[in-house]
Amino acid sequence: MEIITAVAGVITALGVIFGLVFAVYRWYMKQEKQDKDIKAIKEEQTLLTQGVLACLKGLQEQGCDGPVTIAIKKIETHLNQQAHK
């Protein structure tokens, strides 16, 4: 009877250890996927920001002033700050 109890204890301990290792592995894989997703989002935001900046500069060339010039300066300042981080 003692052997059965010991074997059951070992099996339970191995199950707990395996479960813990599996949980850590799943967490690691989730973090890796999130890192890839964040990188893709940042690349998309960069493209969108460049597109908006191009549109604003086109408006400025056509004579629009005021808010257009302010927006251009803010976007360029932001892009410069991000480039130096």
C-alpha atoms as a PDB file:
ATOM      1  CA  MET A   1       0.000   0.000   0.000  1.00  0.00           C
ATOM      2  CA  GLU A   2       2.890   2.336   0.765  1.00  0.00           C
ATOM      3  CA  ILE A   3       4.352   1.792  -2.690  1.00  0.00           C
ATOM      4  CA  ILE A   4       1.072   2.819  -4.337  1.00  0.00           C
ATOM      5  CA  THR A   5       0.931   5.975  -2.235  1.00  0.00           C
ATOM      6  CA  ALA A   6       4.555   6.805  -3.099  1.00  0.00           C
ATOM      7  CA  VAL A   7       3.974   6.235  -6.812  1.00  0.00           C
ATOM      8  CA  ALA A   8       0.820   8.364  -6.710  1.00  0.00           C
ATOM      9  CA  GLY A   9       2.781  11.121  -4.975  1.00  0.00           C
ATOM     10  CA  VAL A  10       5.527  11.003  -7.592  1.00  0.00           C
ATOM     11  CA  ILE A  11       2.986  11.049 -10.434  1.00  0.00           C
ATOM     12  CA  THR A  12       1.202  14.013  -8.853  1.00  0.00           C
ATOM     13  CA  ALA A  13       4.480  15.881  -8.373  1.00  0.00           C
ATOM     14  CA  LEU A  14       5.489  15.232 -11.995  1.00  0.00           C
ATOM     15  CA  GLY A  15       2.073  16.438 -13.158  1.00  0.00           C
ATOM     16  CA  VAL A  16       2.426  19.660 -11.181  1.00  0.00           C
ATOM     17  CA  ILE A  17       5.953  20.248 -12.502  1.00  0.00           C
ATOM     18  CA  PHE A  18       4.860  19.562 -16.095  1.00  0.00           C
ATOM     19  CA  GLY A  19       1.881  21.893 -15.666  1.00  0.00           C
ATOM     20  CA  LEU A  20       4.116  24.655 -14.358  1.00  0.00           C
ATOM     21  CA  VAL A  21       6.627  24.250 -17.197  1.00  0.00           C
ATOM     22  CA  PHE A  22       3.808  24.265 -19.747  1.00  0.00           C
ATOM     23  CA  ALA A  23       2.280  27.416 -18.204  1.00  0.00           C
ATOM     24  CA  VAL A  24       5.642  29.225 -18.366  1.00  0.00           C
ATOM     25  CA  TYR A  25       6.104  28.128 -21.989  1.00  0.00           C
ATOM     26  CA  ARG A  26       2.629  29.402 -22.951  1.00  0.00           C
ATOM     27  CA  TRP A  27       3.343  32.731 -21.221  1.00  0.00           C
ATOM     28  CA  TYR A  28       6.640  33.064 -23.124  1.00  0.00           C
ATOM     29  CA  MET A  29       4.964  32.326 -26.460  1.00  0.00           C
ATOM     30  CA  LYS A  30       2.227  34.873 -25.714  1.00  0.00           C
ATOM     31  CA  GLN A  31       4.848  37.534 -24.949  1.00  0.00           C
ATOM     32  CA  GLU A  32       6.657  36.760 -28.199  1.00  0.00           C
ATOM     33  CA  LYS A  33       3.415  37.113 -30.194  1.00  0.00           C
ATOM     34  CA  GLN A  34       2.621  40.405 -28.475  1.00  0.00           C
ATOM     35  CA  ASP A  35       6.094  41.723 -29.350  1.00  0.00           C
ATOM     36  CA  LYS A  36       5.522  40.867 -33.022  1.00  0.00           C
ATOM     37  CA  ASP A  37       2.064  42.463 -32.963  1.00  0.00           C
ATOM     38  CA  ILE A  38       3.408  45.658 -31.370  1.00  0.00           C
ATOM     39  CA  LYS A  39       6.169  45.878 -33.998  1.00  0.00           C
ATOM     40  CA  ALA A  40       3.614  45.533 -36.807  1.00  0.00           C
ATOM     41  CA  ILE A  41       1.373  48.197 -35.246  1.00  0.00           C
ATOM     42  CA  LYS A  42       4.309  50.602 -34.918  1.00  0.00           C
ATOM     43  CA  GLU A  43       5.255  50.096 -38.559  1.00  0.00           C
ATOM     44  CA  GLU A  44       1.668  50.762 -39.640  1.00  0.00           C
ATOM     45  CA  GLN A  45       1.467  53.887 -37.486  1.00  0.00           C
ATOM     46  CA  THR A  46       4.701  55.152 -39.030  1.00  0.00           C
ATOM     47  CA  LEU A  47       3.279  54.741 -42.530  1.00  0.00           C
ATOM     48  CA  LEU A  48       0.029  56.464 -41.569  1.00  0.00           C
ATOM     49  CA  THR A  49       1.881  59.345 -39.946  1.00  0.00           C
ATOM     50  CA  GLN A  50       4.064  59.798 -43.015  1.00  0.00           C
ATOM     51  CA  GLY A  51       0.952  59.808 -45.199  1.00  0.00           C
ATOM     52  CA  VAL A  52      -0.771  62.435 -43.063  1.00  0.00           C
ATOM     53  CA  LEU A  53       2.383  64.543 -43.067  1.00  0.00           C
ATOM     54  CA  ALA A  54       2.570  64.317 -46.877  1.00  0.00           C
ATOM     55  CA  CYS A  55      -1.072  65.405 -47.164  1.00  0.00           C
ATOM     56  CA  LEU A  56      -0.508  68.334 -44.828  1.00  0.00           C
ATOM     57  CA  LYS A  57       2.563  69.434 -46.762  1.00  0.00           C
ATOM     58  CA  GLY A  58       0.541  69.238 -49.975  1.00  0.00           C
ATOM     59  CA  LEU A  59      -2.109  71.471 -48.429  1.00  0.00           C
ATOM     60  CA  GLN A  60       0.586  73.869 -47.272  1.00  0.00           C
ATOM     61  CA  GLU A  61       1.985  74.045 -50.806  1.00  0.00           C
ATOM     62  CA  GLN A  62      -1.496  74.979 -52.035  1.00  0.00           C
ATOM     63  CA  GLY A  63      -1.565  77.916 -49.648  1.00  0.00           C
ATOM     64  CA  CYS A  64      -3.293  76.508 -46.569  1.00  0.00           C
ATOM     65  CA  ASP A  65      -1.802  77.958 -43.435  1.00  0.00           C
ATOM     66  CA  GLY A  66      -2.520  78.202 -39.725  1.00  0.00           C
ATOM     67  CA  PRO A  67      -3.586  74.800 -38.362  1.00  0.00           C
ATOM     68  CA  VAL A  68      -1.840  73.018 -41.238  1.00  0.00           C
ATOM     69  CA  THR A  69       1.517  74.587 -40.373  1.00  0.00           C
ATOM     70  CA  ILE A  70       1.000  73.893 -36.669  1.00  0.00           C
ATOM     71  CA  ALA A  71       0.149  70.243 -37.354  1.00  0.00           C
ATOM     72  CA  ILE A  72       3.199  69.824 -39.598  1.00  0.00           C
ATOM     73  CA  LYS A  73       5.481  71.232 -36.907  1.00  0.00           C
ATOM     74  CA  LYS A  74       3.950  68.986 -34.231  1.00  0.00           C
ATOM     75  CA  ILE A  75       4.265  65.842 -36.360  1.00  0.00           C
ATOM     76  CA  GLU A  76       7.840  66.637 -37.380  1.00  0.00           C
ATOM     77  CA  THR A  77       8.785  67.372 -33.762  1.00  0.00           C
ATOM     78  CA  HIS A  78       7.244  64.090 -32.652  1.00  0.00           C
ATOM     79  CA  LEU A  79       9.002  62.118 -35.387  1.00  0.00           C
ATOM     80  CA  ASN A  80      12.355  63.701 -34.485  1.00  0.00           C
ATOM     81  CA  GLN A  81      11.861  62.903 -30.793  1.00  0.00           C
ATOM     82  CA  GLN A  82      10.984  59.296 -31.591  1.00  0.00           C
ATOM     83  CA  ALA A  83      14.000  58.940 -33.866  1.00  0.00           C
ATOM     84  CA  HIS A  84      16.373  59.934 -31.059  1.00  0.00           C
ATOM     85  CA  LYS A  85      14.997  57.531 -28.462  1.00  0.00           C
END
